[in-house]
Every structure is written in C-alpha cells, then in structure tokens.
Amino acid sequence: MNGPWNSRLGRVLVYGLGLSGRAAARLLIARGATVLAVDDKTVDAGDLAGAFAGKFEMVPARALPPDVDLVVVSPGVPLDRPILEEAWVKGIPVIAEVELAFRFLDGPVVAITGSNGKSTTTAMAGAMVRAAGLPVEVCGNIGEPLADKVEGPPGRVFVVELSSFQIEGIVTLKPKAAALLNLAEDHLDRYGSMAAYANAKRRLFRDMDEDGVAVLNADDPETLRTPTRARRRLFSRLSRVEDGCFATHDGRVIEVAPGESEIELFHASDVPLAGVQNLENAMAAALLARAVGVEPAAITAALRNFHGLPHRLERVGERDGVTFYDDSKGTNPGATMKAIEGFADGTVHLILGGRNKDADLAVLTPMIRRKARRAYLIGEAAEEFAAALEGAVPFERSETLDRAVRSAAGQARRGEAVVLSPACASFDQFRNFNHRGDVFQELARAVIAGGPHGEEARL
C-alpha cells in the first residue's frame, strides 16, 4: 500500500467528468469523501447523483466552492483554469486522478509514456506479465482509469499508460518501472514549446530512486536527456547498449546488463505487427516486464499471441496486390514517420491531414520524399501540408477521406500500399481518431470488395 492520503478526505472537487473524473468520484465517495463536480461542458451526471445521493453534487464552474480539501483534475482540463489557480493560491492540493489512485494501490506500478506507441507498449507489457502468470491490471490512458482498479486483491501489477496531461498532476506517484518511448512534437497547442512538453513527460521520472527502473529509447536523443536516479535501461533498434536490450542484424533482441551474461529475449519475427515502431515497442515492453520478474519464455509467448490495437498501422486488407493500412492513431508527425519508415521506398500512397496541433509538419518531408509515391491531403491542415511537400512528392488536395481513398486506390499499383497516417488530430471532420479509422476501414473494405466505395461510408 502506498500509504493513506495525507489530507482529510472531506469535500473534494473533481474537475472534469470524463472517464477518469467519474472514476475518481466513485473512489473518493467509497473512501468517505463528499464530491463536488464541475465541468466546462454540459454533462449528464445523473448516474452519479442517483447512486450517491447526498455524497455527490454538480456545482457551477465559476469559482472554487468553500471548504474544499482537495481538487482532482481530469486530463483534458488545462491547469491554468481560474478555479485551479484559485486552489493553488489557497494552498489546496491539485492532483490528477492517477495520483489519487496511486495512494490506495497495493502492488507495483509499471508506467508507460511517450509521444507515440504508448497504448501498444502498455498492452504488450500487460500481456507479458499475464503470460508469466502474474495478476495484472492494464489501465490508464489506454481506456480504463486507474481509480477504477483500486479495489481488488493485493499484489497485482498495475501496467498504466500515462499521457503528459496525467503526469502534470502527479505528486507522489513513483513507478517501480517506467518507460519513455520517444519524444516528438505533439500537443504544442497546450504546451507552447517542445521543451515544456518534454518536461511534462519527464516529470514521471523525477521522484524515482535507485530501486526503480527507467526504460529509455537509446535511438532518441531527447529521451536520453531525461534526468532520473533510477537504473537506466536502454533499448535500441540500431546499436548495442550496455544495460538494456538491442536488436541484432539477424533479428534477435538481446538483453545485456553489466557483469551478466547476454540473454535472448525474443526475435523480431515474434512481433506480429507491421512497422519498425512495433519492434521498438516490444523491446520497451520486454524491459518493463523484466523489471517485475517476467522470464523470456513468457515474453516470447505473449508477443506471438499479440494481435495489436485498432487503428495503429492496422492491416485492413489487400486487393490486386495493393494493401490498405489504418494508422488513424498517427496524430503527430513523429508517429507518421515511424509508420511509413518500414515500407519500401516509393511505395506508399499516404493520406495526410486533419487538425494540426501546432506541430512543424515540414519535419515529415524527408521521410515522405523517400517513402511515398503520392500524398492525398485532407482536412484543415491540407494547405500546410501542401506548402511542406511542394516539390518533394506529387500530391493532391482530396479534402475528404472518401475522395482520398478513392483516388489512392485508383492510382496504387501492385506491391504498393494505401496508408492513412494523418499526422494530425481528427476533430475537424471526425469525432475522434477511432471514428476516422472506422470510416477509413469501411471505405477500404468497399474498395477491396470491388463495390462502390464513396457513397456507403457516412461521415
């Protein structure tokens, strides 16, 4: 147990009633608190109000309510909101839902963050721990809040995906092992600079001590700059490391540690997912699993049976030698670069665009010049991409996803691929990246089936 909360759980304000906010409210009420909730949007909290009459109340989001002992903030709420600033001025703690949950856990935390690959690595690490026969909870930003996992038997391993938004609100959360997979421009519309964004990620490692394990990407210079007192275990797809694991030219992934014999953890062929990034994800997951005692046999078994997550370079199907891939989760330039890196040069028909998060889209140009035969630009960022790609690769302003798929399918040749990896958020034309990916898959399957493919898929 990570110790009781050091403040009286009397009246607690929960800011934001998404998944994590609702989970925090339930946990707080179960632990004896009265919850006051605010949200910047109109939300229906009837389920909470009905189930916890007298212990839960929605209040206006205008000012900090009186006699509040603690504020729990949801990831989507920026920390510069007036209510939160008022709480800080009054000395009232403002924490994230994961910080709240951490104080009640009875088991080690394995945490995963980074700009890209978090969910896949989290799922892989959880599968490895499960394959070893250890009780495990896979949760966090991957879908199920950590606060909903507090109740249960002791000794479970909590494999938790953490976004930078969640990490901003940690105070005492100290993982047994944590991975920083990579750092690429993302969420600059919230942070304003790459330095501020990177520091938000690195905060996860701030309070780790010598008993912890920090898993870092040796191929990413920004990641390697992360300060920590924890044991630094590196993973590299490109070169040998001294403590961690690396990939050999013949596909073996070897674990090394000072003064110990080399161990083969798995083979690249054991990873059943497309994309060089998934080899890197598997390496990071393996080092995290090793930190909680998982043996190589369980790591290999978990990888061979791993099916991947939706919309992460997901193979949709093939027609006439042209393969369709859904990488709708590629919402920043770094993710898109990794997605197309493993394709043969000049074979990708790349669908790009959406809502840019203030990223420099031009960083994609060298990789697109090398890998793409043609680009198809959609959404709000189409003109930004047009400026970045001028002279690098032929492109067209498709505007919508159905037009892009129709055109790409018509121009792709045998041995080539149509890839949706937009490098942007989806909110200009879709509800979220899942919606965008679902629409792409419907369009692609219509093409594969040989029927009409622009009319049935409704946005």
Protein backbone atom coordinates (compact mmCIF):
# COMPACT_ATOMS: atom_id res chain seq x y z
CA MET A 1 0.00 0.00 0.00
CA ASN A 2 1.36 3.40 -0.92
CA GLY A 3 0.09 4.99 2.29
CA PRO A 4 -3.09 6.80 3.27
CA TRP A 5 -3.87 10.17 1.74
CA ASN A 6 -2.20 12.81 3.85
CA SER A 7 -5.15 15.21 3.71
CA ARG A 8 -8.60 14.79 5.21
CA LEU A 9 -10.94 13.43 2.55
CA GLY A 10 -13.85 15.67 3.41
CA ARG A 11 -15.05 17.81 0.50
CA VAL A 12 -13.25 17.13 -2.77
CA LEU A 13 -13.72 18.98 -6.04
CA VAL A 14 -13.50 16.85 -9.18
CA TYR A 15 -12.89 18.99 -12.27
CA GLY A 16 -14.00 17.22 -15.45
CA LEU A 17 -16.46 14.33 -15.60
CA GLY A 18 -15.00 12.19 -18.33
CA LEU A 19 -13.95 8.59 -17.67
CA SER A 20 -11.19 9.49 -15.22
CA GLY A 21 -13.25 12.13 -13.41
CA ARG A 22 -16.12 9.74 -12.85
CA ALA A 23 -13.72 7.03 -11.66
CA ALA A 24 -12.13 9.49 -9.24
CA ALA A 25 -15.55 10.47 -7.92
CA ARG A 26 -16.51 6.86 -7.28
CA LEU A 27 -13.22 6.14 -5.50
CA LEU A 28 -13.47 9.27 -3.36
CA ILE A 29 -17.03 8.52 -2.29
CA ALA A 30 -16.07 4.93 -1.49
CA ARG A 31 -13.36 6.33 0.77
CA GLY A 32 -15.73 8.61 2.62
CA ALA A 33 -15.45 11.90 0.75
CA THR A 34 -18.18 14.22 -0.42
CA VAL A 35 -17.62 15.05 -4.09
CA LEU A 36 -18.39 18.37 -5.74
CA ALA A 37 -18.04 18.21 -9.53
CA VAL A 38 -17.59 20.82 -12.23
CA ASP A 39 -17.19 20.53 -15.97
CA ASP A 40 -16.60 23.12 -18.69
CA LYS A 41 -19.16 21.33 -20.85
CA THR A 42 -22.74 20.34 -20.17
CA VAL A 43 -22.63 16.76 -18.87
CA ASP A 44 -25.20 14.35 -17.53
CA ALA A 45 -24.09 13.22 -14.09
CA GLY A 46 -27.41 11.67 -13.24
CA ASP A 47 -25.90 8.22 -12.70
CA LEU A 48 -23.51 9.54 -10.06
CA ALA A 49 -26.09 11.79 -8.43
CA GLY A 50 -28.61 8.97 -8.30
CA ALA A 51 -26.21 6.35 -6.97
CA PHE A 52 -24.57 8.61 -4.40
CA ALA A 53 -27.36 10.90 -3.19
CA GLY A 54 -26.02 13.23 -0.52
CA LYS A 55 -22.39 12.47 -1.39
CA PHE A 56 -22.22 13.90 -4.92
CA GLU A 57 -23.23 17.30 -6.28
CA MET A 58 -22.67 19.18 -9.55
CA VAL A 59 -21.72 22.82 -8.92
CA PRO A 60 -21.21 25.79 -11.29
CA ALA A 61 -17.73 26.13 -12.82
CA ARG A 62 -17.45 29.78 -11.80
CA ALA A 63 -15.49 29.77 -8.54
CA LEU A 64 -13.86 27.37 -6.11
CA PRO A 65 -16.54 26.08 -3.71
CA PRO A 66 -15.94 26.77 0.01
CA ASP A 67 -14.29 24.29 2.37
CA VAL A 68 -12.70 22.15 -0.33
CA ASP A 69 -9.81 19.99 0.92
CA LEU A 70 -8.56 18.62 -2.40
CA VAL A 71 -9.03 19.10 -6.15
CA VAL A 72 -8.78 16.18 -8.57
CA VAL A 73 -8.41 17.29 -12.18
CA SER A 74 -9.17 15.27 -15.29
CA PRO A 75 -6.52 15.02 -18.06
CA GLY A 76 -8.45 17.12 -20.54
CA VAL A 77 -8.62 20.14 -18.24
CA PRO A 78 -5.73 22.62 -18.66
CA LEU A 79 -4.11 23.54 -15.36
CA ASP A 80 -4.47 27.27 -15.97
CA ARG A 81 -8.23 27.26 -15.31
CA PRO A 82 -9.19 30.02 -12.82
CA ILE A 83 -10.64 27.55 -10.30
CA LEU A 84 -7.37 25.61 -10.24
CA GLU A 85 -5.30 28.76 -9.90
CA GLU A 86 -7.52 29.83 -7.00
CA ALA A 87 -6.94 26.46 -5.33
CA TRP A 88 -3.17 26.83 -5.61
CA VAL A 89 -3.29 30.33 -4.15
CA LYS A 90 -5.24 28.95 -1.19
CA GLY A 91 -2.80 26.06 -0.71
CA ILE A 92 -5.29 23.38 -1.71
CA PRO A 93 -3.65 20.37 -3.44
CA VAL A 94 -4.49 19.90 -7.12
CA ILE A 95 -3.77 16.37 -8.32
CA ALA A 96 -4.52 14.01 -11.19
CA GLU A 97 -6.84 11.02 -10.95
CA VAL A 98 -3.83 8.69 -11.27
CA GLU A 99 -2.15 10.39 -8.32
CA LEU A 100 -5.27 9.91 -6.22
CA ALA A 101 -5.50 6.23 -7.17
CA PHE A 102 -1.79 5.58 -6.57
CA ARG A 103 -2.13 6.34 -2.87
CA PHE A 104 -4.53 3.41 -2.47
CA LEU A 105 -2.78 0.77 -4.59
CA ASP A 106 -1.34 -2.42 -3.14
CA GLY A 107 1.05 -3.50 -5.86
CA PRO A 108 3.81 -2.20 -8.14
CA VAL A 109 3.15 0.32 -10.91
CA VAL A 110 4.69 -0.11 -14.35
CA ALA A 111 4.16 3.15 -16.26
CA ILE A 112 4.46 3.93 -19.96
CA THR A 113 4.61 7.37 -21.56
CA GLY A 114 5.96 8.93 -24.75
CA SER A 115 4.68 10.73 -27.80
CA ASN A 116 3.87 7.58 -29.77
CA GLY A 117 3.35 3.88 -29.10
CA LYS A 118 2.09 4.19 -25.52
CA SER A 119 -1.06 2.10 -25.88
CA THR A 120 0.59 -0.70 -27.85
CA THR A 121 3.51 -0.90 -25.43
CA THR A 122 1.14 -0.88 -22.46
CA ALA A 123 -0.90 -3.70 -23.95
CA MET A 124 2.25 -5.67 -24.80
CA ALA A 125 3.72 -5.26 -21.31
CA GLY A 126 0.43 -6.31 -19.74
CA ALA A 127 0.30 -9.39 -21.96
CA MET A 128 3.85 -10.34 -20.95
CA VAL A 129 3.08 -10.02 -17.24
CA ARG A 130 -0.11 -12.03 -17.72
CA ALA A 131 1.75 -14.73 -19.67
CA ALA A 132 4.10 -15.10 -16.69
CA GLY A 133 1.11 -15.96 -14.51
CA LEU A 134 1.19 -12.74 -12.50
CA PRO A 135 -2.03 -10.86 -11.64
CA VAL A 136 -2.13 -7.69 -13.73
CA GLU A 137 -4.31 -4.66 -14.39
CA VAL A 138 -3.81 -2.87 -17.73
CA CYS A 139 -5.26 0.60 -17.42
CA GLY A 140 -4.76 4.37 -17.52
CA ASN A 141 -4.88 6.38 -20.72
CA ILE A 142 -5.39 3.15 -22.66
CA GLY A 143 -9.06 3.19 -21.68
CA GLU A 144 -9.84 2.15 -18.10
CA PRO A 145 -8.95 4.64 -15.34
CA LEU A 146 -6.52 3.57 -12.65
CA ALA A 147 -9.00 4.72 -9.99
CA ASP A 148 -11.42 2.02 -11.14
CA LYS A 149 -8.75 -0.64 -10.46
CA VAL A 150 -8.01 0.18 -6.81
CA GLU A 151 -10.41 -2.37 -5.35
CA GLY A 152 -9.17 -5.92 -5.73
CA PRO A 153 -6.71 -8.46 -4.35
CA PRO A 154 -3.27 -7.27 -3.20
CA GLY A 155 -0.11 -7.85 -5.18
CA ARG A 156 -1.43 -7.05 -8.64
CA VAL A 157 0.93 -5.41 -11.14
CA PHE A 158 -0.58 -2.18 -12.45
CA VAL A 159 0.55 -1.55 -16.04
CA VAL A 160 -0.51 2.05 -16.66
CA GLU A 161 -0.39 4.20 -19.77
CA LEU A 162 0.15 7.85 -18.83
CA SER A 163 -0.27 10.90 -21.01
CA SER A 164 1.58 14.14 -20.36
CA PHE A 165 -1.73 15.62 -19.21
CA GLN A 166 -1.99 12.99 -16.47
CA ILE A 167 1.66 13.30 -15.46
CA GLU A 168 1.25 17.04 -14.91
CA GLY A 169 -0.87 16.25 -11.87
CA ILE A 170 1.28 13.69 -10.06
CA VAL A 171 2.88 14.46 -6.72
CA THR A 172 3.99 11.20 -5.10
CA LEU A 173 3.38 8.65 -7.87
CA LYS A 174 6.58 6.63 -8.11
CA PRO A 175 6.59 3.67 -10.52
CA LYS A 176 8.65 0.55 -9.93
CA ALA A 177 9.47 0.77 -13.64
CA ALA A 178 8.65 3.42 -16.21
CA ALA A 179 9.31 3.84 -19.92
CA LEU A 180 9.73 6.97 -22.02
CA LEU A 181 9.34 5.62 -25.54
CA ASN A 182 10.13 8.74 -27.58
CA LEU A 183 9.68 12.49 -27.70
CA ALA A 184 8.25 14.18 -30.79
CA GLU A 185 6.31 17.37 -31.31
CA ASP A 186 2.78 16.94 -30.02
CA HIS A 187 0.18 18.94 -28.07
CA LEU A 188 2.09 22.16 -28.68
CA ASP A 189 -1.29 23.88 -28.76
CA ARG A 190 -1.37 23.16 -25.00
CA TYR A 191 2.30 23.44 -24.04
CA GLY A 192 3.55 26.17 -26.35
CA SER A 193 7.02 24.66 -26.80
CA MET A 194 8.72 21.32 -27.26
CA ALA A 195 10.75 21.93 -24.08
CA ALA A 196 7.63 22.37 -21.95
CA TYR A 197 6.03 19.27 -23.48
CA ALA A 198 9.17 17.17 -22.90
CA ASN A 199 9.43 18.35 -19.30
CA ALA A 200 5.84 17.30 -18.68
CA LYS A 201 6.73 13.77 -19.81
CA ARG A 202 9.98 13.66 -17.85
CA ARG A 203 8.21 14.55 -14.61
CA LEU A 204 7.24 10.88 -14.35
CA PHE A 205 10.88 10.01 -13.60
CA ARG A 206 11.54 12.87 -11.18
CA ASP A 207 10.94 11.02 -7.91
CA MET A 208 12.12 7.55 -8.93
CA ASP A 209 15.07 6.31 -6.88
CA GLU A 210 17.83 3.73 -7.29
CA ASP A 211 15.37 0.87 -6.73
CA GLY A 212 13.37 1.85 -9.82
CA VAL A 213 13.98 1.09 -13.50
CA ALA A 214 13.82 3.82 -16.16
CA VAL A 215 13.41 2.34 -19.66
CA LEU A 216 14.59 4.86 -22.26
CA ASN A 217 14.92 4.89 -26.05
CA ALA A 218 18.61 4.97 -26.93
CA ASP A 219 17.78 5.94 -30.52
CA ASP A 220 16.01 9.13 -29.42
CA PRO A 221 18.43 11.83 -28.16
CA GLU A 222 15.68 13.83 -26.44
CA THR A 223 14.58 10.79 -24.49
CA LEU A 224 18.12 10.09 -23.31
CA ARG A 225 18.29 13.55 -21.73
CA THR A 226 15.72 12.52 -19.13
CA PRO A 227 17.16 13.03 -15.62
CA THR A 228 16.46 10.27 -13.10
CA ARG A 229 18.09 8.49 -10.17
CA ALA A 230 16.58 5.19 -11.32
CA ARG A 231 18.57 2.50 -13.08
CA ARG A 232 18.66 3.48 -16.74
CA ARG A 233 17.89 0.54 -19.03
CA LEU A 234 18.07 1.44 -22.72
CA PHE A 235 16.52 -0.17 -25.79
CA SER A 236 17.88 0.29 -29.30
CA ARG A 237 16.85 -0.95 -32.70
CA LEU A 238 20.04 0.48 -34.23
CA SER A 239 23.03 -0.20 -31.99
CA ARG A 240 24.30 -2.09 -28.97
CA VAL A 241 23.65 -0.77 -25.45
CA GLU A 242 25.41 -1.52 -22.17
CA ASP A 243 22.34 -2.05 -19.97
CA GLY A 244 19.02 -2.93 -21.56
CA CYS A 245 18.34 -4.61 -24.90
CA PHE A 246 19.21 -4.17 -28.56
CA ALA A 247 18.34 -5.75 -31.91
CA THR A 248 20.98 -7.65 -33.84
CA HIS A 249 21.31 -7.72 -37.63
CA ASP A 250 19.77 -11.21 -37.72
CA GLY A 251 16.68 -10.12 -35.78
CA ARG A 252 17.47 -11.31 -32.26
CA VAL A 253 16.69 -9.00 -29.34
CA ILE A 254 19.40 -9.39 -26.73
CA GLU A 255 19.28 -8.28 -23.11
CA VAL A 256 22.54 -7.13 -21.55
CA ALA A 257 23.50 -5.93 -18.09
CA PRO A 258 26.87 -5.09 -16.55
CA GLY A 259 28.59 -8.21 -15.26
CA GLU A 260 25.87 -10.59 -16.51
CA SER A 261 25.58 -12.98 -19.44
CA GLU A 262 23.62 -11.98 -22.52
CA ILE A 263 20.05 -13.29 -22.79
CA GLU A 264 17.92 -13.56 -25.91
CA LEU A 265 14.52 -12.07 -25.05
CA PHE A 266 12.75 -12.70 -28.36
CA HIS A 267 13.17 -12.49 -32.11
CA ALA A 268 11.88 -9.72 -34.33
CA SER A 269 9.80 -12.33 -36.16
CA ASP A 270 7.88 -12.94 -32.91
CA VAL A 271 6.33 -9.46 -33.25
CA PRO A 272 3.28 -9.97 -35.50
CA LEU A 273 2.68 -6.26 -36.19
CA ALA A 274 3.77 -4.11 -39.12
CA GLY A 275 6.12 -1.18 -38.63
CA VAL A 276 9.57 -0.71 -37.14
CA GLN A 277 7.97 1.13 -34.23
CA ASN A 278 6.37 -2.10 -33.04
CA LEU A 279 9.76 -3.76 -32.65
CA GLU A 280 10.77 -0.79 -30.50
CA ASN A 281 7.52 -1.04 -28.53
CA ALA A 282 8.14 -4.73 -27.91
CA MET A 283 11.68 -4.04 -26.68
CA ALA A 284 10.46 -1.42 -24.22
CA ALA A 285 7.66 -3.70 -23.02
CA ALA A 286 10.11 -6.55 -22.51
CA LEU A 287 12.40 -4.45 -20.31
CA LEU A 288 9.42 -3.32 -18.24
CA ALA A 289 8.28 -6.91 -17.87
CA ARG A 290 11.78 -7.97 -16.83
CA ALA A 291 11.64 -5.34 -14.07
CA VAL A 292 8.81 -7.29 -12.41
CA GLY A 293 10.40 -10.70 -12.89
CA VAL A 294 8.98 -11.93 -16.21
CA GLU A 295 11.12 -14.58 -17.92
CA PRO A 296 11.98 -14.55 -21.67
CA ALA A 297 9.73 -17.53 -22.45
CA ALA A 298 6.68 -15.59 -21.26
CA ILE A 299 7.78 -12.52 -23.25
CA THR A 300 8.05 -14.56 -26.45
CA ALA A 301 4.73 -16.31 -25.87
CA ALA A 302 2.95 -13.01 -25.25
CA LEU A 303 4.33 -11.41 -28.40
CA ARG A 304 3.45 -14.35 -30.63
CA ASN A 305 -0.16 -14.16 -29.45
CA PHE A 306 -0.43 -10.37 -29.54
CA HIS A 307 -2.96 -9.05 -32.04
CA GLY A 308 -2.33 -5.33 -31.77
CA LEU A 309 -4.73 -2.47 -31.12
CA PRO A 310 -7.15 -0.90 -33.58
CA HIS A 311 -6.01 1.99 -35.78
CA ARG A 312 -2.28 1.52 -35.10
CA LEU A 313 -0.91 0.64 -38.56
CA GLU A 314 -3.64 -1.97 -38.72
CA ARG A 315 -3.72 -4.04 -41.88
CA VAL A 316 -7.24 -3.71 -43.31
CA GLY A 317 -6.83 -5.94 -46.35
CA GLU A 318 -5.50 -6.27 -49.88
CA ARG A 319 -6.79 -6.09 -53.42
CA ASP A 320 -4.79 -6.76 -56.59
CA GLY A 321 -1.53 -6.55 -54.66
CA VAL A 322 -2.35 -3.19 -53.02
CA THR A 323 -2.52 -3.31 -49.21
CA PHE A 324 -4.54 -0.88 -47.09
CA TYR A 325 -3.32 0.19 -43.63
CA ASP A 326 -5.22 2.16 -40.99
CA ASP A 327 -2.91 4.25 -38.80
CA SER A 328 -5.52 6.78 -37.71
CA LYS A 329 -3.84 6.92 -34.29
CA GLY A 330 -0.88 8.60 -36.03
CA THR A 331 -1.87 12.06 -34.82
CA ASN A 332 1.52 13.79 -34.94
CA PRO A 333 4.44 13.90 -37.41
CA GLY A 334 6.63 11.59 -35.32
CA ALA A 335 4.02 8.85 -35.41
CA THR A 336 3.61 9.12 -39.16
CA MET A 337 7.35 8.98 -39.77
CA LYS A 338 7.57 5.74 -37.78
CA ALA A 339 4.51 4.32 -39.55
CA ILE A 340 5.93 4.67 -43.05
CA GLU A 341 9.61 4.07 -42.25
CA GLY A 342 9.33 0.31 -42.71
CA PHE A 343 7.74 0.43 -46.18
CA ALA A 344 9.82 0.06 -49.33
CA ASP A 345 10.92 3.38 -50.80
CA GLY A 346 8.43 5.00 -53.17
CA THR A 347 5.58 2.59 -52.47
CA VAL A 348 3.27 4.48 -50.12
CA HIS A 349 0.10 6.35 -51.06
CA LEU A 350 -0.13 8.46 -47.93
CA ILE A 351 -3.29 10.14 -46.67
CA LEU A 352 -2.42 13.16 -44.52
CA GLY A 353 -4.31 15.90 -42.75
CA GLY A 354 -6.81 16.87 -40.11
CA ARG A 355 -6.35 19.43 -37.37
CA ASN A 356 -2.73 20.33 -36.68
CA LYS A 357 -1.72 20.68 -33.02
CA ASP A 358 0.82 23.42 -33.80
CA ALA A 359 3.41 20.85 -34.92
CA ASP A 360 6.00 21.59 -37.62
CA LEU A 361 4.65 19.47 -40.47
CA ALA A 362 7.76 20.08 -42.55
CA VAL A 363 9.72 17.58 -40.44
CA LEU A 364 7.84 14.88 -42.35
CA THR A 365 9.07 15.99 -45.76
CA PRO A 366 12.34 13.98 -45.96
CA MET A 367 10.65 10.71 -44.97
CA ILE A 368 7.70 11.31 -47.29
CA ARG A 369 10.05 12.17 -50.16
CA ARG A 370 11.75 8.83 -49.62
CA LYS A 371 8.79 6.55 -48.91
CA ALA A 372 5.74 7.98 -50.67
CA ARG A 373 4.79 7.82 -54.33
CA ARG A 374 1.93 10.23 -53.81
CA ALA A 375 0.19 12.10 -50.97
CA TYR A 376 -3.51 12.88 -50.51
CA LEU A 377 -4.31 15.89 -48.34
CA ILE A 378 -7.49 16.24 -46.31
CA GLY A 379 -8.97 18.47 -43.64
CA GLU A 380 -7.91 21.78 -42.13
CA ALA A 381 -4.18 21.13 -42.47
CA ALA A 382 -4.24 20.40 -46.20
CA GLU A 383 -2.71 23.72 -47.20
CA GLU A 384 0.02 23.42 -44.54
CA PHE A 385 0.94 20.03 -45.95
CA ALA A 386 0.82 21.40 -49.49
CA ALA A 387 3.38 24.05 -48.54
CA ALA A 388 5.58 21.50 -46.77
CA LEU A 389 5.51 18.94 -49.61
CA GLU A 390 5.85 21.28 -52.60
CA GLY A 391 8.48 19.77 -54.89
CA ALA A 392 9.07 16.75 -52.63
CA VAL A 393 6.36 14.38 -53.83
CA PRO A 394 3.26 14.60 -56.06
CA PHE A 395 0.16 15.38 -54.02
CA GLU A 396 -3.47 16.28 -54.44
CA ARG A 397 -5.92 18.18 -52.27
CA SER A 398 -8.53 15.49 -51.74
CA GLU A 399 -10.30 17.47 -48.99
CA THR A 400 -12.26 14.49 -47.66
CA LEU A 401 -11.28 10.98 -46.68
CA ASP A 402 -13.60 9.25 -49.12
CA ARG A 403 -12.09 11.17 -52.06
CA ALA A 404 -8.59 10.39 -50.83
CA VAL A 405 -9.26 6.66 -50.56
CA ARG A 406 -10.96 6.57 -53.96
CA SER A 407 -8.07 8.37 -55.66
CA ALA A 408 -5.31 6.44 -53.87
CA ALA A 409 -6.95 3.11 -54.63
CA GLY A 410 -7.20 4.06 -58.29
CA GLN A 411 -3.54 5.06 -58.61
CA ALA A 412 -1.81 2.44 -56.42
CA ARG A 413 -0.01 -0.39 -58.20
CA ARG A 414 0.73 -3.97 -57.18
CA GLY A 415 3.25 -4.03 -54.33
CA GLU A 416 2.24 -0.59 -53.05
CA ALA A 417 0.21 0.44 -50.02
CA VAL A 418 -2.53 2.94 -49.22
CA VAL A 419 -1.81 4.25 -45.73
CA LEU A 420 -3.92 6.55 -43.58
CA SER A 421 -1.43 8.10 -41.16
CA PRO A 422 -2.65 11.69 -40.90
CA ALA A 423 -0.05 13.30 -38.56
CA CYS A 424 -2.93 15.41 -37.23
CA ALA A 425 -5.85 15.24 -34.85
CA SER A 426 -9.22 14.17 -36.24
CA PHE A 427 -11.55 16.75 -34.74
CA ASP A 428 -12.02 18.84 -37.86
CA GLN A 429 -14.02 16.15 -39.67
CA PHE A 430 -14.48 13.27 -37.20
CA ARG A 431 -15.46 12.68 -33.58
CA ASN A 432 -12.07 11.15 -32.72
CA PHE A 433 -9.31 9.03 -34.22
CA ASN A 434 -11.40 5.87 -33.74
CA HIS A 435 -14.21 7.34 -35.85
CA ARG A 436 -11.74 8.40 -38.54
CA GLY A 437 -10.17 4.94 -38.60
CA ASP A 438 -13.54 3.21 -38.73
CA VAL A 439 -14.57 5.32 -41.72
CA PHE A 440 -11.28 4.58 -43.49
CA GLN A 441 -11.69 0.86 -42.90
CA GLU A 442 -15.24 0.92 -44.27
CA LEU A 443 -14.03 2.75 -47.37
CA ALA A 444 -11.05 0.44 -47.82
CA ARG A 445 -13.13 -2.72 -47.44
CA ALA A 446 -15.56 -1.44 -50.04
CA VAL A 447 -12.63 -0.99 -52.43
CA ILE A 448 -11.30 -4.45 -51.58
CA ALA A 449 -14.72 -5.98 -52.17
CA GLY A 450 -14.85 -4.31 -55.56
CA GLY A 451 -18.05 -2.40 -54.95
CA PRO A 452 -18.76 1.33 -54.83
CA HIS A 453 -16.71 2.97 -52.13
CA GLY A 454 -17.64 6.58 -51.66
CA GLU A 455 -21.34 6.51 -51.02
CA GLU A 456 -21.88 3.98 -48.22
CA ALA A 457 -19.38 5.30 -45.70
CA ARG A 458 -21.11 8.12 -43.96
CA LEU A 459 -19.05 10.65 -42.05
